Protein backbone atom coordinates (compact mmCIF):
# COMPACT_ATOMS: atom_id res chain seq x y z
CA UNK A 1 15.76 21.19 -11.02
CA UNK A 2 12.29 22.08 -12.26
CA UNK A 3 10.82 19.15 -10.33
CA UNK A 4 12.33 20.31 -7.06
CA UNK A 5 11.15 23.89 -7.58
CA UNK A 6 7.66 22.64 -8.39
CA UNK A 7 7.72 20.36 -5.35
CA UNK A 8 8.73 23.18 -3.00
CA UNK A 9 6.18 25.56 -4.52
CA UNK A 10 3.39 23.11 -3.78
CA UNK A 11 4.64 22.73 -0.23
CA UNK A 12 4.80 26.50 0.30
CA UNK A 13 1.27 26.86 -1.07
CA UNK A 14 0.05 24.32 1.44
CA UNK A 15 1.82 26.12 4.26
CA UNK A 16 0.14 29.42 3.41
CA UNK A 17 -3.28 27.77 3.44
CA UNK A 18 -2.80 25.78 6.62
CA UNK A 19 -1.03 28.43 8.65
CA UNK A 20 -3.64 30.96 7.58
CA UNK A 21 -6.42 28.71 8.81
CA UNK A 22 -4.94 27.16 11.93
CA UNK A 23 -2.03 29.21 13.25
CA UNK A 24 -2.15 29.33 17.04
CA UNK A 25 1.30 30.63 17.86
CA UNK A 26 2.38 27.37 19.50
CA UNK A 27 5.64 25.71 18.62
CA UNK A 28 4.37 22.52 16.98
CA UNK A 29 5.64 20.41 14.12
CA UNK A 30 3.61 19.41 11.06
CA UNK A 31 1.79 16.62 12.91
CA UNK A 32 0.84 18.85 15.83
CA UNK A 33 3.50 17.56 18.22
CA UNK A 34 4.84 20.16 20.66
CA UNK A 35 8.49 20.56 19.77
CA UNK A 36 9.17 22.09 23.20
CA UNK A 37 8.65 18.65 24.73
CA UNK A 38 12.28 17.67 24.23
CA UNK A 39 13.80 17.06 27.65
CA UNK A 40 17.19 18.43 28.66
CA UNK A 41 18.79 15.04 29.34
CA UNK A 42 17.31 13.00 26.52
CA UNK A 43 17.47 13.06 22.74
CA UNK A 44 13.94 13.12 21.33
CA UNK A 45 13.33 11.23 18.10
CA UNK A 46 10.07 11.99 16.32
CA UNK A 47 8.28 9.28 14.32
CA UNK A 48 5.25 9.51 12.03
CA UNK A 49 3.17 6.62 10.81
CA UNK A 50 -0.36 6.01 9.53
CA UNK A 51 -1.11 2.79 11.37
CA UNK A 52 -4.58 2.83 12.90
CA UNK A 53 -5.31 -0.84 13.62
CA UNK A 54 -4.80 -1.52 17.31
CA UNK A 55 -2.61 -4.66 16.98
CA UNK A 56 -0.18 -2.85 14.67
CA UNK A 57 -0.08 0.22 16.89
CA UNK A 58 0.59 -1.97 19.93
CA UNK A 59 3.48 -3.67 18.13
CA UNK A 60 5.05 -0.31 17.19
CA UNK A 61 4.63 0.96 20.74
CA UNK A 62 6.24 -2.21 22.08
CA UNK A 63 9.30 -1.67 19.88
CA UNK A 64 9.49 1.94 21.09
CA UNK A 65 9.25 0.86 24.74
CA UNK A 66 11.92 -1.81 24.30
CA UNK A 67 14.29 0.61 22.55
CA UNK A 68 13.79 3.31 25.19
CA UNK A 69 14.43 0.76 27.95
CA UNK A 70 17.69 -0.27 26.31
CA UNK A 71 18.61 3.36 25.55
CA UNK A 72 17.40 5.53 28.46
CA UNK A 73 18.97 8.64 26.92
CA UNK A 74 16.55 8.44 23.95
CA UNK A 75 12.86 9.32 23.89
CA UNK A 76 10.76 8.39 20.85
CA UNK A 77 7.66 10.49 20.17
CA UNK A 78 5.29 8.61 17.87
CA UNK A 79 2.58 10.58 16.04
CA UNK A 80 -0.29 9.06 14.12
CA UNK A 81 -0.87 10.84 10.80
CA UNK A 82 -3.86 9.65 8.74
CA UNK A 83 -2.91 7.89 5.52
CA UNK A 84 -4.74 10.51 3.46
CA UNK A 85 -2.75 13.33 5.10
CA UNK A 86 0.78 12.07 5.45
CA UNK A 87 1.99 13.04 1.96
CA UNK A 88 0.79 16.64 2.38
CA UNK A 89 2.36 16.80 5.85
CA UNK A 90 5.67 15.67 4.45
CA UNK A 91 5.44 18.36 1.78
CA UNK A 92 4.73 20.94 4.45
CA UNK A 93 7.49 19.67 6.67
CA UNK A 94 10.01 19.72 3.85
CA UNK A 95 9.37 23.39 3.09
CA UNK A 96 9.24 24.50 6.73
CA UNK A 97 12.09 22.31 8.01
CA UNK A 98 9.74 20.52 10.39
CA UNK A 99 10.00 16.91 9.33
CA UNK A 100 10.08 13.99 11.77
CA UNK A 101 13.27 12.00 12.22
CA UNK A 102 11.63 8.76 11.07
CA UNK A 103 8.60 8.19 8.87
CA UNK A 104 6.72 5.08 7.78
CA UNK A 105 5.71 5.62 4.15
CA UNK A 106 3.45 3.76 1.73
CA UNK A 107 5.85 1.81 -0.49
CA UNK A 108 4.86 3.24 -3.91
CA UNK A 109 5.39 6.81 -2.66
CA UNK A 110 8.92 6.17 -1.47
CA UNK A 111 10.82 6.89 -4.67
CA UNK A 112 8.96 10.14 -5.24
CA UNK A 113 9.95 11.52 -1.85
CA UNK A 114 13.51 10.26 -2.27
CA UNK A 115 13.79 12.11 -5.59
CA UNK A 116 12.41 15.29 -4.03
CA UNK A 117 15.04 15.38 -1.30
CA UNK A 118 12.70 14.63 1.61
CA UNK A 119 14.41 11.34 2.51
CA UNK A 120 17.96 10.64 3.60
CA UNK A 121 20.27 8.50 1.49
CA UNK A 122 21.29 5.65 3.83
CA UNK A 123 23.26 3.57 1.32
CA UNK A 124 26.48 3.60 3.37
CA UNK A 125 24.64 2.60 6.53
CA UNK A 126 22.79 -0.20 4.75
CA UNK A 127 25.96 -1.58 3.18
CA UNK A 128 27.83 -1.45 6.49
CA UNK A 129 24.91 -3.23 8.17
CA UNK A 130 25.36 -6.22 5.88
CA UNK A 131 21.79 -7.64 6.07
CA UNK A 132 20.12 -6.15 3.01
CA UNK A 133 20.56 -9.34 0.98
CA UNK A 134 17.99 -11.01 3.23
CA UNK A 135 15.13 -8.84 1.91
CA UNK A 136 12.81 -9.96 -0.86
CA UNK A 137 13.30 -8.04 -4.10
CA UNK A 138 9.72 -6.79 -4.54
CA UNK A 139 9.29 -4.89 -1.25
CA UNK A 140 12.93 -3.80 -1.35
CA UNK A 141 12.55 -2.23 -4.79
CA UNK A 142 10.33 0.52 -3.37
CA UNK A 143 13.13 1.96 -1.21
CA UNK A 144 15.74 2.08 -3.98
CA UNK A 145 16.08 5.23 -6.06
CA UNK A 146 18.92 5.99 -8.46
CA UNK A 147 20.69 2.82 -7.21
CA UNK A 148 20.73 4.12 -3.63
CA UNK A 149 18.86 3.06 -0.51
CA UNK A 150 16.43 5.51 1.06
CA UNK A 151 14.76 3.20 3.52
CA UNK A 152 14.04 -0.32 4.74
CA UNK A 153 10.81 -2.29 4.17
CA UNK A 154 8.59 -2.12 7.26
CA UNK A 155 6.01 -4.64 6.10
CA UNK A 156 4.63 -6.21 2.96
CA UNK A 157 1.43 -7.82 1.74
CA UNK A 158 -0.37 -8.83 -1.42
CA UNK A 159 -3.93 -9.53 -2.48
CA UNK A 160 -5.88 -12.73 -2.96
CA UNK A 161 -9.51 -13.70 -3.55
CA UNK A 162 -11.80 -14.02 -0.53
CA UNK A 163 -15.04 -15.90 -1.20
CA UNK A 164 -18.26 -16.73 0.63
CA UNK A 165 -17.98 -20.51 0.81
CA UNK A 166 -21.64 -20.92 1.75
CA UNK A 167 -22.75 -19.07 -1.38
CA UNK A 168 -20.43 -21.03 -3.62
CA UNK A 169 -21.49 -24.33 -2.09
CA UNK A 170 -25.20 -23.54 -2.43
CA UNK A 171 -24.67 -22.60 -6.08
CA UNK A 172 -22.47 -25.62 -6.83
CA UNK A 173 -19.56 -23.36 -7.81
CA UNK A 174 -15.88 -24.13 -7.21
CA UNK A 175 -13.51 -21.32 -6.22
CA UNK A 176 -12.33 -19.79 -9.51
CA UNK A 177 -8.73 -20.09 -10.62
CA UNK A 178 -8.88 -18.29 -14.00
CA UNK A 179 -10.44 -15.17 -15.52
CA UNK A 180 -13.05 -17.29 -17.28
CA UNK A 181 -14.01 -19.13 -14.10
CA UNK A 182 -14.14 -15.87 -12.12
CA UNK A 183 -16.63 -14.31 -14.52
CA UNK A 184 -18.77 -17.43 -14.74
CA UNK A 185 -18.84 -17.72 -10.95
CA UNK A 186 -19.73 -14.03 -10.59
CA UNK A 187 -22.62 -14.50 -13.01
CA UNK A 188 -24.01 -17.47 -11.10
CA UNK A 189 -23.53 -15.90 -7.68
CA UNK A 190 -25.19 -12.58 -8.53
CA UNK A 191 -28.70 -12.41 -7.09
CA UNK A 192 -30.55 -9.25 -8.07
CA UNK A 193 -33.56 -10.05 -5.87
CA UNK A 194 -31.36 -10.12 -2.74
CA UNK A 195 -29.10 -7.32 -3.97
CA UNK A 196 -26.10 -9.68 -3.88
CA UNK A 197 -23.26 -9.20 -6.37
CA UNK A 198 -20.88 -11.87 -7.53
CA UNK A 199 -17.66 -9.85 -7.40
CA UNK A 200 -16.20 -6.56 -6.18
CA UNK A 201 -12.98 -4.67 -6.83
CA UNK A 202 -11.86 -1.31 -5.42
CA UNK A 203 -12.56 1.23 -8.18
CA UNK A 204 -12.76 4.65 -6.54
CA UNK A 205 -10.21 7.12 -7.89
CA UNK A 206 -7.39 6.42 -5.45
CA UNK A 207 -4.22 4.38 -5.16
CA UNK A 208 -6.33 1.42 -4.08
CA UNK A 209 -7.80 1.23 -7.59
CA UNK A 210 -4.31 0.95 -9.04
CA UNK A 211 -3.27 -1.59 -6.42
CA UNK A 212 -6.19 -3.90 -7.22
CA UNK A 213 -6.31 -3.43 -11.00
CA UNK A 214 -2.61 -3.81 -11.83
CA UNK A 215 -2.64 -7.62 -11.36
CA UNK A 216 -5.19 -7.87 -14.17
CA UNK A 217 -3.07 -5.58 -16.35
CA UNK A 218 0.07 -7.63 -15.70
CA UNK A 219 -1.79 -10.92 -16.18
CA UNK A 220 -2.96 -9.70 -19.59
CA UNK A 221 0.66 -9.40 -20.71
CA UNK A 222 0.61 -5.59 -20.61
CA UNK A 223 2.19 -3.09 -18.22
CA UNK A 224 2.20 0.61 -17.46
CA UNK A 225 5.30 0.80 -19.66
CA UNK A 226 3.41 -0.51 -22.72
CA UNK A 227 -0.14 0.51 -21.95
CA UNK A 228 -1.52 0.92 -25.48
CA UNK A 229 -1.63 -2.79 -26.22
CA UNK A 230 -4.05 -5.62 -26.92
CA UNK A 231 -3.56 -6.88 -23.38
CA UNK A 232 -4.73 -3.62 -21.81
CA UNK A 233 -7.80 -3.53 -24.04
CA UNK A 234 -8.57 -7.13 -23.11
CA UNK A 235 -8.19 -6.36 -19.40
CA UNK A 236 -10.34 -3.23 -19.60
CA UNK A 237 -13.16 -4.91 -21.52
CA UNK A 238 -13.06 -7.92 -19.21
CA UNK A 239 -13.46 -5.91 -16.00
CA UNK A 240 -15.96 -3.51 -17.54
CA UNK A 241 -18.14 -6.46 -18.52
CA UNK A 242 -18.66 -7.32 -14.84
CA UNK A 243 -20.15 -3.87 -14.32
CA UNK A 244 -22.11 -3.78 -17.57
CA UNK A 245 -23.65 -7.21 -16.98
CA UNK A 246 -24.55 -6.49 -13.38
CA UNK A 247 -22.09 -8.84 -11.67
CA UNK A 248 -20.51 -5.89 -9.83
CA UNK A 249 -22.33 -3.02 -8.14
CA UNK A 250 -21.87 0.48 -9.58
CA UNK A 251 -21.07 1.48 -6.00
CA UNK A 252 -17.54 0.16 -6.54
CA UNK A 253 -16.76 3.43 -8.37
CA UNK A 254 -16.92 5.27 -5.05
CA UNK A 255 -15.80 2.50 -2.69
CA UNK A 256 -12.35 1.90 -1.27
CA UNK A 257 -11.03 -1.51 -0.26
CA UNK A 258 -12.54 -1.45 3.21
CA UNK A 259 -15.99 -0.35 2.08
CA UNK A 260 -16.08 -3.19 -0.41
CA UNK A 261 -14.91 -5.68 2.18
CA UNK A 262 -17.61 -4.52 4.56
CA UNK A 263 -20.12 -5.51 1.86
CA UNK A 264 -18.48 -8.93 1.65
CA UNK A 265 -18.73 -9.41 5.42
CA UNK A 266 -22.39 -8.34 5.27
CA UNK A 267 -23.11 -11.08 2.73
CA UNK A 268 -23.76 -8.68 -0.15
CA UNK A 269 -20.69 -9.64 -2.21
CA UNK A 270 -19.76 -13.25 -2.94
CA UNK A 271 -16.10 -12.75 -3.97
CA UNK A 272 -13.71 -9.88 -3.35
CA UNK A 273 -10.04 -9.02 -3.65
CA UNK A 274 -8.24 -8.08 -0.44
CA UNK A 275 -5.16 -8.74 1.66
CA UNK A 276 -3.93 -10.51 4.81
CA UNK A 277 -4.71 -7.52 7.02
CA UNK A 278 -8.37 -8.58 6.79
CA UNK A 279 -7.80 -12.06 8.23
CA UNK A 280 -8.11 -11.16 11.94
CA UNK A 281 -11.38 -9.34 11.24
CA UNK A 282 -13.01 -11.90 8.98
CA UNK A 283 -12.01 -14.77 11.28
CA UNK A 284 -13.75 -13.13 14.21
CA UNK A 285 -16.71 -11.27 12.76
CA UNK A 286 -18.33 -13.09 9.83
CA UNK A 287 -21.16 -15.54 10.46
CA UNK A 288 -20.69 -17.64 7.30
CA UNK A 289 -18.10 -20.08 6.01
CA UNK A 290 -15.53 -18.36 3.84
CA UNK A 291 -12.41 -19.25 1.93
CA UNK A 292 -9.33 -17.74 0.33
CA UNK A 293 -7.56 -18.49 -2.94
CA UNK A 294 -4.73 -16.90 -4.93
CA UNK A 295 -5.94 -14.40 -7.51
CA UNK A 296 -7.44 -16.07 -10.58
CA UNK A 297 -4.89 -16.01 -13.39
CA UNK A 298 -4.97 -14.74 -16.95
CA UNK A 299 -2.08 -15.33 -19.33
CA UNK A 300 0.18 -15.38 -16.27
CA UNK A 301 -0.05 -15.25 -12.47
CA UNK A 302 0.54 -11.93 -10.73
CA UNK A 303 -0.54 -10.15 -7.59
CA UNK A 304 0.32 -6.67 -6.31
CA UNK A 305 2.86 -5.98 -3.61
CA UNK A 306 1.63 -3.62 -0.91
CA UNK A 307 3.16 -2.46 2.32
CA UNK A 308 5.13 0.33 3.90
CA UNK A 309 8.74 1.35 4.51
CA UNK A 310 10.81 2.98 7.21
CA UNK A 311 12.80 6.07 6.18
CA UNK A 312 14.90 8.80 7.77
CA UNK A 313 14.16 12.34 6.68
CA UNK A 314 16.88 14.50 5.22
CA UNK A 315 16.70 17.25 7.84
CA UNK A 316 16.90 14.97 10.87
CA UNK A 317 19.54 16.16 13.31
CA UNK A 318 19.82 12.68 14.80
CA UNK A 319 20.32 10.44 11.80
CA UNK A 320 22.62 7.99 13.61
CA UNK A 321 20.07 7.38 16.35
CA UNK A 322 17.22 7.17 13.84
CA UNK A 323 19.13 4.53 11.88
CA UNK A 324 19.85 2.60 15.09
CA UNK A 325 16.11 2.56 15.86
CA UNK A 326 15.28 1.26 12.39
CA UNK A 327 17.91 -1.47 12.74
CA UNK A 328 16.43 -2.35 16.13
CA UNK A 329 12.99 -2.73 14.54
CA UNK A 330 14.49 -5.29 12.13
CA UNK A 331 15.80 -7.63 14.83
CA UNK A 332 14.02 -10.96 14.55
CA UNK A 333 11.73 -10.76 17.59
CA UNK A 334 10.75 -7.15 16.92
CA UNK A 335 10.20 -7.60 13.20
CA UNK A 336 8.21 -10.84 13.53
CA UNK A 337 5.98 -9.30 16.19
CA UNK A 338 5.33 -6.21 14.06
CA UNK A 339 4.55 -8.16 10.90
CA UNK A 340 2.35 -10.75 12.53
CA UNK A 341 0.42 -8.24 14.62
CA UNK A 342 -0.46 -6.27 11.50
CA UNK A 343 -1.32 -9.28 9.32
CA UNK A 344 1.75 -8.68 7.16
CA UNK A 345 3.99 -11.05 5.23
CA UNK A 346 7.71 -11.63 5.83
CA UNK A 347 9.92 -8.98 4.28
CA UNK A 348 13.06 -11.07 4.81
CA UNK A 349 13.93 -14.60 3.78
CA UNK A 350 15.56 -15.44 7.13
CA UNK A 351 12.24 -15.15 9.02
CA UNK A 352 9.98 -16.67 6.38
CA UNK A 353 10.00 -20.15 7.95
CA UNK A 354 8.21 -18.93 11.06
CA UNK A 355 5.16 -21.18 11.72
CA UNK A 356 2.82 -18.19 11.53
CA UNK A 357 3.30 -18.04 7.75
CA UNK A 358 3.67 -21.79 7.21
CA UNK A 359 1.02 -23.42 9.39
CA UNK A 360 -1.90 -21.01 9.07
CA UNK A 361 -3.58 -22.00 5.80
CA UNK A 362 -4.75 -18.50 4.93
CA UNK A 363 -1.50 -16.71 5.74
CA UNK A 364 0.31 -19.41 3.77
CA UNK A 365 -1.87 -18.60 0.74
CA UNK A 366 -0.61 -15.01 0.79
CA UNK A 367 2.96 -16.01 1.63
CA UNK A 368 3.06 -18.50 -1.25
CA UNK A 369 1.96 -15.74 -3.64
CA UNK A 370 5.12 -13.78 -2.85
CA UNK A 371 6.93 -15.35 -5.81
CA UNK A 372 4.24 -13.90 -8.13
CA UNK A 373 4.02 -10.55 -6.36
CA UNK A 374 5.04 -7.50 -8.37
CA UNK A 375 5.91 -4.07 -7.00
CA UNK A 376 4.64 -0.73 -8.22
CA UNK A 377 8.21 0.20 -9.06
CA UNK A 378 7.90 2.89 -11.74
CA UNK A 379 10.21 5.62 -10.50
CA UNK A 380 9.85 9.04 -8.95
CA UNK A 381 6.76 10.03 -10.97
CA UNK A 382 4.76 7.01 -9.92
CA UNK A 383 2.09 8.95 -7.96
CA UNK A 384 1.21 10.90 -11.12
CA UNK A 385 1.44 7.77 -13.27
CA UNK A 386 -1.00 6.05 -10.95
CA UNK A 387 -3.42 8.96 -11.15
CA UNK A 388 -3.45 8.69 -14.95
CA UNK A 389 -4.20 4.97 -14.71
CA UNK A 390 -6.99 5.63 -12.21
CA UNK A 391 -8.51 8.23 -14.52
CA UNK A 392 -8.31 5.80 -17.43
CA UNK A 393 -10.16 3.04 -15.60
CA UNK A 394 -12.86 5.38 -14.34
CA UNK A 395 -13.40 6.72 -17.87
CA UNK A 396 -13.78 3.16 -19.11
CA UNK A 397 -16.13 2.08 -16.35
CA UNK A 398 -18.38 5.14 -16.77
CA UNK A 399 -18.35 5.13 -20.60
CA UNK A 400 -16.81 8.60 -20.63
CA UNK A 401 -14.45 7.26 -23.28
CA UNK A 402 -14.13 4.06 -25.23
CA UNK A 403 -11.51 1.72 -23.79
CA UNK A 404 -9.33 2.29 -26.85
CA UNK A 405 -9.42 6.09 -26.52
CA UNK A 406 -8.97 6.11 -22.76
CA UNK A 407 -5.97 3.81 -23.06
CA UNK A 408 -4.35 5.88 -25.84
CA UNK A 409 -4.82 9.09 -23.85
CA UNK A 410 -3.42 7.55 -20.67
CA UNK A 411 -0.41 6.06 -22.43
CA UNK A 412 0.55 9.46 -23.85
CA UNK A 413 0.60 11.04 -20.37
CA UNK A 414 2.24 8.05 -18.68
CA UNK A 415 5.00 7.77 -21.30
CA UNK A 416 5.93 11.41 -20.68
CA UNK A 417 6.06 10.79 -16.92
CA UNK A 418 8.15 7.65 -17.33
CA UNK A 419 10.65 9.43 -19.59
CA UNK A 420 11.08 12.68 -17.63
């Protein structure tokens, strides 16, 4: 009960601020869509997503057009909401009863919004549908809360190791497959005179830090559920050594995934972690030979599951239609087009044999990692848990605390969040 009161209080606080700064008297929802646009003879379904890349947007729009053609009594209004804003907009919408009918959410945030009452329980609909057993466990785990379904995976991905093949060849270095080989390669490939660094990882204080660092935590034998362990200390010291010894730029502490990848494409980073969404860009824009490998392994092989999910909001007045639209998006042609356009991996086993994921060597590298892909499935308090982990890693990187102290402090906070 306390969590829900706290959640609503935050949302009301945001409403006061935003309405005080931008109220214009118009009847608009939280994403700025005019709610008076609903026609008399059609049912309008509102949809929010944070997709900005043109191929992905085109694929979503194509699904909308196809559904509207098959259902002329339905109009779907899609609104782009920046990734950095969508969580606040959902908070606002929950408190002011102005949520969209359908939302595409970042997977790790799904359980938190389900627990807070923002999302609709669709367990009965999913069970009646009879297709949920086709979905891979890792992406599916994000939409399950308290043994109930609150959504359907919209797309999934994971991260591998991109490398500048020209640099490796010139240095006589093979693509690394282990932690030891990764560090040795980074050392050799770092060139201070040319301001070239051997390796880069996203380390700004954001979810992207967690996404890229968790594979190293898991590969060490540790987890967020047993953080104060030898494995975590080993992981922290290992990654910190790249920074201390100059194999990574200190700029990583303020760089997100894309900023780091831009440095890779500019020839300033020899090896970097990233996902399949970068393949269309790197294939077209880089002027050097490059390659892709699974993440180098530690004591085990793990990569992080990323991606987004479809959900229906709890205050939708058209839940049946919203569910029908989501089901439509999961039909083979529609789903394959959406996933492939956005450089995503198959979410379902029954489409995984498509040549796109089997014949393209680079997509196959990511697809083959699916069996070692682990979800950020830590319950309703995951956003706060992730923030504690981010703070821990930044403290370690900046020498604000010793690794041992930072890890002990983070475990105390994370254990409380896991056990609430």
